[in-house]
Amino acid sequence: MKSLLVPTAVRGPVRLIAVACLVMPLLAACGGSGNPSSSTMNLGITDGPVDAASSVVISFTGVELQPANGGSAVTFNFSSPKTLDLMQYQNGNAAALLSDVSVPAGNYSWIRLLLNVGSNNAVANSYIEINGAQYPIMVPSGAQTGLKLVQGFTMTVNQVANFTIDFVLSQAITAPPGQQVGGTQAYVLQPALRLIDNVQAGTISGTVALSTLQSNSACLSGYSGSGPLPNAHVYIFSGANATLTDIQIDPTTGTAPAGHVNPVVTPQITLSSSGQYAYSQPFLLAGTYTLAVACGADNPSTADTLAFIPAAGMTATVTANQTTTVTF
């Protein structure tokens, strides 16, 4: 699944803010809704795997929050960029972007990750590494729109809120032909992000029987006998009895084509130290999901036919702060 061939799809403000800020040891905060009541925010970042890439390095310069009442944005500019290899923060691990920062209490309509984007839309000090070669990362219209996650959230007075942003890299990164920086093929990063309130999230994990994988030759195709299976993933869709589909991304909008619903996430199946084929997906909001093992190459730039096991999927319910086990 999610074959990563250069320069096809991989298979998860950006603007500088010119404002006067109060200098703090690690970052500066400015703007806000004018509400004297405050709350405390912790914000981490994690990602899902992307096949064939060994590193996805992004340099963040800050975070911006937009109050729902239309007031001035709350901006945290880092005193120095935070450069993170997202591939190092998987399976429940998260890197800290904001730690115990004071935020005006209230409702917010979106969150933006700030990057240093040049006139060519290339992100400074950021790259994806594939087979030992590094390729630049671009954000379309990055200087204007950036990596903005339009998802509401609430900061409660005198409370601590812990959020995690999940980069769904399997849906976020593509390599459109002709997109180059300095004569080198560039990879485009779209805002395929999920904002998770940690207290409302749980985990789905389980094992996949070898007989299940052997039932379709595509599942074990290209597998070396250790580590993740390159063509077998667990596709997790929102809701019960969801329609099982491949991943499709419109290269113009960076989102699913009209009428198409992508999986929420697609965790890898890997051979564990105990000799079992296993998967795990943390940071899922409490609710009902449909799961199926999907085998075959899945290029988000095209419509692909995948073999799902079982064909109609399996329904599971995620409970906050608990692990739900689903075995195939």
Protein backbone atom coordinates (compact mmCIF):
# COMPACT_ATOMS: atom_id res chain seq x y z
CA MET A 1 0.00 0.00 0.00
CA LYS A 2 1.01 3.61 -0.38
CA SER A 3 3.91 2.89 -2.70
CA LEU A 4 6.40 5.73 -2.60
CA LEU A 5 8.02 6.02 -6.01
CA VAL A 6 9.74 9.20 -7.03
CA PRO A 7 8.09 11.31 -8.33
CA THR A 8 4.66 9.77 -7.72
CA ALA A 9 2.63 10.15 -4.53
CA VAL A 10 4.19 9.23 -1.20
CA ARG A 11 2.08 7.72 1.17
CA GLY A 12 0.73 11.17 7.33
CA PRO A 13 1.50 30.87 8.81
CA VAL A 14 3.08 28.95 7.42
CA ARG A 15 3.66 32.64 7.33
CA LEU A 16 5.81 34.93 9.37
CA ILE A 17 3.89 37.14 11.80
CA ALA A 18 5.11 40.73 12.09
CA VAL A 19 3.86 41.70 15.52
CA ALA A 20 5.31 42.87 18.78
CA CYS A 21 5.45 40.06 21.33
CA LEU A 22 6.48 39.54 24.91
CA VAL A 23 9.73 37.63 24.97
CA MET A 24 9.76 34.42 26.98
CA PRO A 25 12.56 31.86 27.36
CA LEU A 26 11.28 29.52 24.66
CA LEU A 27 8.63 31.44 22.75
CA ALA A 28 6.72 34.66 22.52
CA ALA A 29 2.93 34.97 22.81
CA CYS A 30 0.87 37.82 21.47
CA GLY A 31 -2.62 38.68 20.27
CA GLY A 32 -5.68 37.17 21.90
CA SER A 33 -9.38 37.75 22.39
CA GLY A 34 -9.03 40.25 25.23
CA ASN A 35 -10.56 37.85 27.72
CA PRO A 36 -8.66 38.20 31.04
CA SER A 37 -9.59 34.64 32.03
CA SER A 38 -6.95 32.15 31.00
CA SER A 39 -6.30 28.45 30.64
CA THR A 40 -3.19 26.36 30.04
CA MET A 41 -2.40 24.51 26.83
CA ASN A 42 -0.02 21.69 26.00
CA LEU A 43 0.27 20.83 22.30
CA GLY A 44 2.13 17.82 20.93
CA ILE A 45 2.65 16.52 17.44
CA THR A 46 2.71 12.94 16.15
CA ASP A 47 2.41 11.25 12.78
CA GLY A 48 1.40 8.11 11.00
CA PRO A 49 3.92 6.14 8.92
CA VAL A 50 4.62 6.80 5.28
CA ASP A 51 5.99 3.90 3.28
CA ALA A 52 9.56 4.04 1.88
CA ALA A 53 10.46 7.34 3.61
CA SER A 54 13.07 7.09 6.34
CA SER A 55 12.69 10.71 7.52
CA VAL A 56 10.18 13.54 7.19
CA VAL A 57 11.86 16.59 8.72
CA ILE A 58 9.80 19.74 9.29
CA SER A 59 11.02 22.97 10.87
CA PHE A 60 8.27 24.77 12.80
CA THR A 61 8.58 28.45 13.75
CA GLY A 62 5.44 28.79 15.87
CA VAL A 63 1.74 28.14 16.42
CA GLU A 64 -1.27 30.39 15.85
CA LEU A 65 -4.76 30.00 17.38
CA GLN A 66 -7.84 31.85 16.11
CA PRO A 67 -10.61 32.74 18.61
CA ALA A 68 -14.08 31.88 17.34
CA ASN A 69 -15.34 35.35 18.27
CA GLY A 70 -13.23 36.90 15.54
CA GLY A 71 -10.73 38.50 17.89
CA SER A 72 -7.03 38.79 17.19
CA ALA A 73 -5.14 35.55 16.78
CA VAL A 74 -3.10 34.17 19.66
CA THR A 75 0.39 33.64 18.29
CA PHE A 76 3.33 31.76 19.78
CA ASN A 77 6.55 32.44 17.88
CA PHE A 78 9.37 30.12 18.89
CA SER A 79 12.62 31.87 19.84
CA SER A 80 14.33 29.33 17.56
CA PRO A 81 12.71 26.88 15.09
CA LYS A 82 11.73 23.44 16.34
CA THR A 83 13.02 21.02 13.72
CA LEU A 84 11.45 17.58 14.08
CA ASP A 85 11.73 14.31 12.21
CA LEU A 86 8.06 13.29 12.30
CA MET A 87 8.96 9.67 11.61
CA GLN A 88 10.41 9.51 15.13
CA TYR A 89 7.04 10.32 16.73
CA GLN A 90 4.72 7.38 16.08
CA ASN A 91 2.82 4.73 18.03
CA GLY A 92 1.75 7.05 20.83
CA ASN A 93 4.93 9.13 20.94
CA ALA A 94 4.57 12.88 20.48
CA ALA A 95 6.94 15.84 20.34
CA ALA A 96 6.06 18.97 22.32
CA LEU A 97 5.27 22.13 20.36
CA LEU A 98 3.74 24.09 23.25
CA SER A 99 4.29 23.32 26.94
CA ASP A 100 2.20 24.90 29.71
CA VAL A 101 1.48 28.11 27.78
CA SER A 102 -1.21 30.51 28.95
CA VAL A 103 -4.09 30.91 26.49
CA PRO A 104 -7.21 33.10 26.85
CA ALA A 105 -10.16 30.88 27.75
CA GLY A 106 -12.89 30.47 25.15
CA ASN A 107 -13.78 28.82 21.88
CA TYR A 108 -11.35 28.65 18.97
CA SER A 109 -12.09 27.98 15.31
CA TRP A 110 -8.73 26.93 13.92
CA ILE A 111 -5.07 26.29 14.63
CA ARG A 112 -2.17 27.03 12.31
CA LEU A 113 1.36 25.64 12.32
CA LEU A 114 3.84 28.34 11.36
CA LEU A 115 6.72 27.58 9.02
CA ASN A 116 9.36 29.62 7.23
CA VAL A 117 8.09 29.41 3.65
CA GLY A 118 10.02 31.07 0.84
CA SER A 119 8.74 32.70 -2.33
CA ASN A 120 9.01 29.34 -4.11
CA ASN A 121 6.75 27.74 -1.43
CA ALA A 122 9.67 25.65 -0.17
CA VAL A 123 9.83 25.15 3.61
CA ALA A 124 13.19 26.14 5.06
CA ASN A 125 15.26 23.39 6.73
CA SER A 126 12.67 20.74 5.83
CA TYR A 127 12.93 17.64 3.65
CA ILE A 128 11.79 14.06 3.07
CA GLU A 129 14.42 11.32 2.80
CA ILE A 130 13.85 8.31 0.55
CA ASN A 131 16.49 5.66 -0.14
CA GLY A 132 19.19 7.96 1.22
CA ALA A 133 18.24 10.93 -0.99
CA GLN A 134 16.72 14.14 0.42
CA TYR A 135 13.96 16.02 -1.38
CA PRO A 136 12.65 19.51 -0.53
CA ILE A 137 9.19 20.02 0.91
CA MET A 138 6.77 22.62 -0.42
CA VAL A 139 3.51 23.99 1.00
CA PRO A 140 1.23 25.42 -1.73
CA SER A 141 0.35 29.06 -0.98
CA GLY A 142 2.29 28.52 2.22
CA ALA A 143 3.02 32.18 2.84
CA GLN A 144 -0.72 32.93 2.72
CA THR A 145 -2.62 29.93 4.09
CA GLY A 146 -0.02 27.61 5.59
CA LEU A 147 -0.77 24.43 7.50
CA LYS A 148 -4.12 25.50 8.91
CA LEU A 149 -6.34 22.96 10.65
CA VAL A 150 -9.91 24.21 10.63
CA GLN A 151 -11.31 22.38 13.64
CA GLY A 152 -12.98 23.98 16.62
CA PHE A 153 -11.82 23.46 20.20
CA THR A 154 -12.43 24.99 23.61
CA MET A 155 -10.06 26.27 26.27
CA THR A 156 -11.79 26.15 29.68
CA VAL A 157 -11.09 28.76 32.36
CA ASN A 158 -8.37 27.71 34.83
CA GLN A 159 -8.07 24.25 33.25
CA VAL A 160 -5.18 22.46 31.55
CA ALA A 161 -5.91 21.21 28.01
CA ASN A 162 -3.68 18.61 26.35
CA PHE A 163 -3.97 18.38 22.58
CA THR A 164 -2.10 16.38 19.95
CA ILE A 165 -1.88 17.18 16.24
CA ASP A 166 -1.65 14.03 14.13
CA PHE A 167 0.00 14.39 10.72
CA VAL A 168 -1.71 11.83 8.48
CA LEU A 169 1.34 11.60 6.25
CA SER A 170 -0.13 8.90 4.01
CA GLN A 171 -2.61 11.54 2.86
CA ALA A 172 -0.48 14.65 3.34
CA ILE A 173 2.53 14.14 1.06
CA THR A 174 2.59 13.78 -2.71
CA ALA A 175 5.24 14.31 -5.38
CA PRO A 176 3.44 15.89 -8.34
CA PRO A 177 5.45 15.69 -11.58
CA GLY A 178 6.99 19.03 -12.47
CA GLN A 179 7.10 20.38 -8.91
CA GLN A 180 10.75 21.24 -8.41
CA VAL A 181 12.96 23.34 -6.17
CA GLY A 182 16.36 24.18 -7.61
CA GLY A 183 15.99 21.48 -10.24
CA THR A 184 15.18 18.78 -7.65
CA GLN A 185 11.85 16.97 -7.42
CA ALA A 186 9.86 18.47 -4.53
CA TYR A 187 7.28 16.85 -2.31
CA VAL A 188 4.12 18.77 -1.53
CA LEU A 189 2.82 18.84 2.04
CA GLN A 190 -0.94 19.33 2.40
CA PRO A 191 -2.68 20.08 5.74
CA ALA A 192 -3.95 16.52 6.33
CA LEU A 193 -4.06 17.02 10.09
CA ARG A 194 -6.20 15.85 13.01
CA LEU A 195 -6.47 17.78 16.28
CA ILE A 196 -7.02 15.39 19.17
CA ASP A 197 -8.13 16.31 22.68
CA ASN A 198 -6.13 13.71 24.58
CA VAL A 199 -8.73 13.14 27.30
CA GLN A 200 -11.24 12.16 24.61
CA ALA A 201 -8.96 9.73 22.79
CA GLY A 202 -8.28 6.01 22.98
CA THR A 203 -6.37 3.33 21.08
CA ILE A 204 -7.22 0.47 18.75
CA SER A 205 -4.67 -2.32 18.49
CA GLY A 206 -4.56 -6.01 17.74
CA THR A 207 -2.99 -8.78 15.71
CA VAL A 208 -3.46 -10.17 12.21
CA ALA A 209 -3.21 -13.94 11.77
CA LEU A 210 -0.69 -15.21 9.24
CA SER A 211 -3.52 -17.21 7.63
CA THR A 212 -5.41 -13.94 7.12
CA LEU A 213 -2.42 -12.42 5.33
CA GLN A 214 -1.88 -15.56 3.28
CA SER A 215 -5.49 -15.47 2.06
CA ASN A 216 -4.50 -12.75 -0.40
CA SER A 217 -1.12 -12.80 -2.13
CA ALA A 218 -0.95 -9.00 -2.18
CA CYS A 219 -0.70 -8.91 1.61
CA LEU A 220 2.76 -10.49 1.74
CA SER A 221 3.99 -9.21 -1.61
CA GLY A 222 7.41 -7.60 -1.30
CA TYR A 223 7.76 -8.54 2.37
CA SER A 224 11.32 -9.26 3.51
CA GLY A 225 10.29 -11.25 6.59
CA SER A 226 10.95 -8.53 9.17
CA GLY A 227 9.56 -5.14 10.06
CA PRO A 228 6.45 -3.55 8.50
CA LEU A 229 4.64 -5.23 5.64
CA PRO A 230 4.87 -2.85 2.65
CA ASN A 231 1.50 -3.77 1.13
CA ALA A 232 -0.68 -4.56 4.14
CA HIS A 233 -2.22 -1.99 6.47
CA VAL A 234 -5.28 -1.69 8.69
CA TYR A 235 -7.66 0.91 7.27
CA ILE A 236 -9.74 2.66 9.94
CA PHE A 237 -12.88 4.53 8.84
CA SER A 238 -15.16 6.73 10.90
CA GLY A 239 -18.55 5.26 11.80
CA ALA A 240 -20.12 1.81 11.78
CA ASN A 241 -20.54 -0.12 8.50
CA ALA A 242 -18.53 2.49 6.61
CA THR A 243 -17.83 2.07 2.92
CA LEU A 244 -14.31 0.70 2.44
CA THR A 245 -12.30 2.78 -0.01
CA ASP A 246 -8.77 3.50 -1.11
CA ILE A 247 -7.03 6.80 -0.35
CA GLN A 248 -7.65 9.50 -2.94
CA ILE A 249 -6.35 13.08 -2.82
CA ASP A 250 -7.29 15.82 -5.28
CA PRO A 251 -3.92 17.41 -6.20
CA THR A 252 -5.56 20.81 -6.61
CA THR A 253 -7.37 21.01 -3.28
CA GLY A 254 -5.28 18.58 -1.24
CA THR A 255 -8.48 16.94 -0.01
CA ALA A 256 -10.56 13.92 -1.02
CA PRO A 257 -12.49 14.27 -4.30
CA ALA A 258 -16.17 15.18 -3.97
CA GLY A 259 -18.17 12.22 -2.66
CA HIS A 260 -15.11 10.22 -1.64
CA VAL A 261 -14.40 9.46 2.03
CA ASN A 262 -10.84 8.54 2.94
CA PRO A 263 -9.93 6.38 5.93
CA VAL A 264 -9.11 8.33 9.08
CA VAL A 265 -5.76 6.58 9.45
CA THR A 266 -4.00 3.49 8.06
CA PRO A 267 -1.60 2.02 10.64
CA GLN A 268 1.04 -0.40 9.47
CA ILE A 269 1.04 -4.12 10.17
CA THR A 270 4.44 -5.19 11.43
CA LEU A 271 6.07 -8.32 12.78
CA SER A 272 6.41 -7.78 16.53
CA SER A 273 9.20 -8.98 18.80
CA SER A 274 6.85 -11.74 19.99
CA GLY A 275 6.51 -13.10 16.46
CA GLN A 276 2.97 -11.80 15.85
CA TYR A 277 1.76 -9.58 13.05
CA ALA A 278 0.43 -6.60 14.96
CA TYR A 279 -0.80 -3.02 14.57
CA SER A 280 -1.66 -0.15 16.90
CA GLN A 281 -3.38 3.20 16.39
CA PRO A 282 -3.40 5.67 19.31
CA PHE A 283 -5.01 9.13 19.35
CA LEU A 284 -8.42 8.06 18.04
CA LEU A 285 -11.35 10.11 19.28
CA ALA A 286 -13.91 8.11 21.23
CA GLY A 287 -16.57 6.72 18.92
CA THR A 288 -17.39 3.96 16.46
CA TYR A 289 -15.11 2.88 13.62
CA THR A 290 -14.99 0.34 10.80
CA LEU A 291 -11.73 -1.56 10.35
CA ALA A 292 -10.38 -3.84 7.64
CA VAL A 293 -7.02 -5.15 6.52
CA ALA A 294 -6.22 -3.66 3.11
CA CYS A 295 -3.70 -5.28 0.81
CA GLY A 296 -2.25 -3.80 -2.35
CA ALA A 297 -0.60 -0.59 -3.57
CA ASP A 298 -2.56 2.57 -2.81
CA ASN A 299 -1.50 5.68 -4.70
CA PRO A 300 -3.50 8.69 -3.44
CA SER A 301 -3.17 10.35 -6.85
CA THR A 302 -5.24 7.62 -8.51
CA ALA A 303 -8.22 5.36 -7.85
CA ASP A 304 -6.93 1.93 -6.79
CA THR A 305 -8.62 -1.40 -6.19
CA LEU A 306 -7.71 -2.89 -2.81
CA ALA A 307 -8.54 -6.27 -1.35
CA PHE A 308 -10.17 -5.73 2.07
CA ILE A 309 -10.29 -8.43 4.75
CA PRO A 310 -13.04 -8.97 5.76
CA ALA A 311 -14.81 -7.59 2.71
CA ALA A 312 -17.38 -5.68 4.81
CA GLY A 313 -14.97 -4.68 7.55
CA MET A 314 -15.35 -5.00 11.33
CA THR A 315 -16.97 -2.52 13.71
CA ALA A 316 -15.19 -1.38 16.88
CA THR A 317 -15.90 1.23 19.53
CA VAL A 318 -13.14 3.40 20.98
CA THR A 319 -13.46 4.50 24.60
CA ALA A 320 -11.44 7.43 25.93
CA ASN A 321 -8.22 6.45 27.74
CA GLN A 322 -8.71 2.78 26.94
CA THR A 323 -7.39 0.29 24.37
CA THR A 324 -9.82 -1.58 22.15
CA THR A 325 -8.55 -4.87 20.71
CA VAL A 326 -9.55 -5.96 17.21
CA THR A 327 -8.09 -9.18 15.85
CA PHE A 328 -8.19 -10.28 12.22
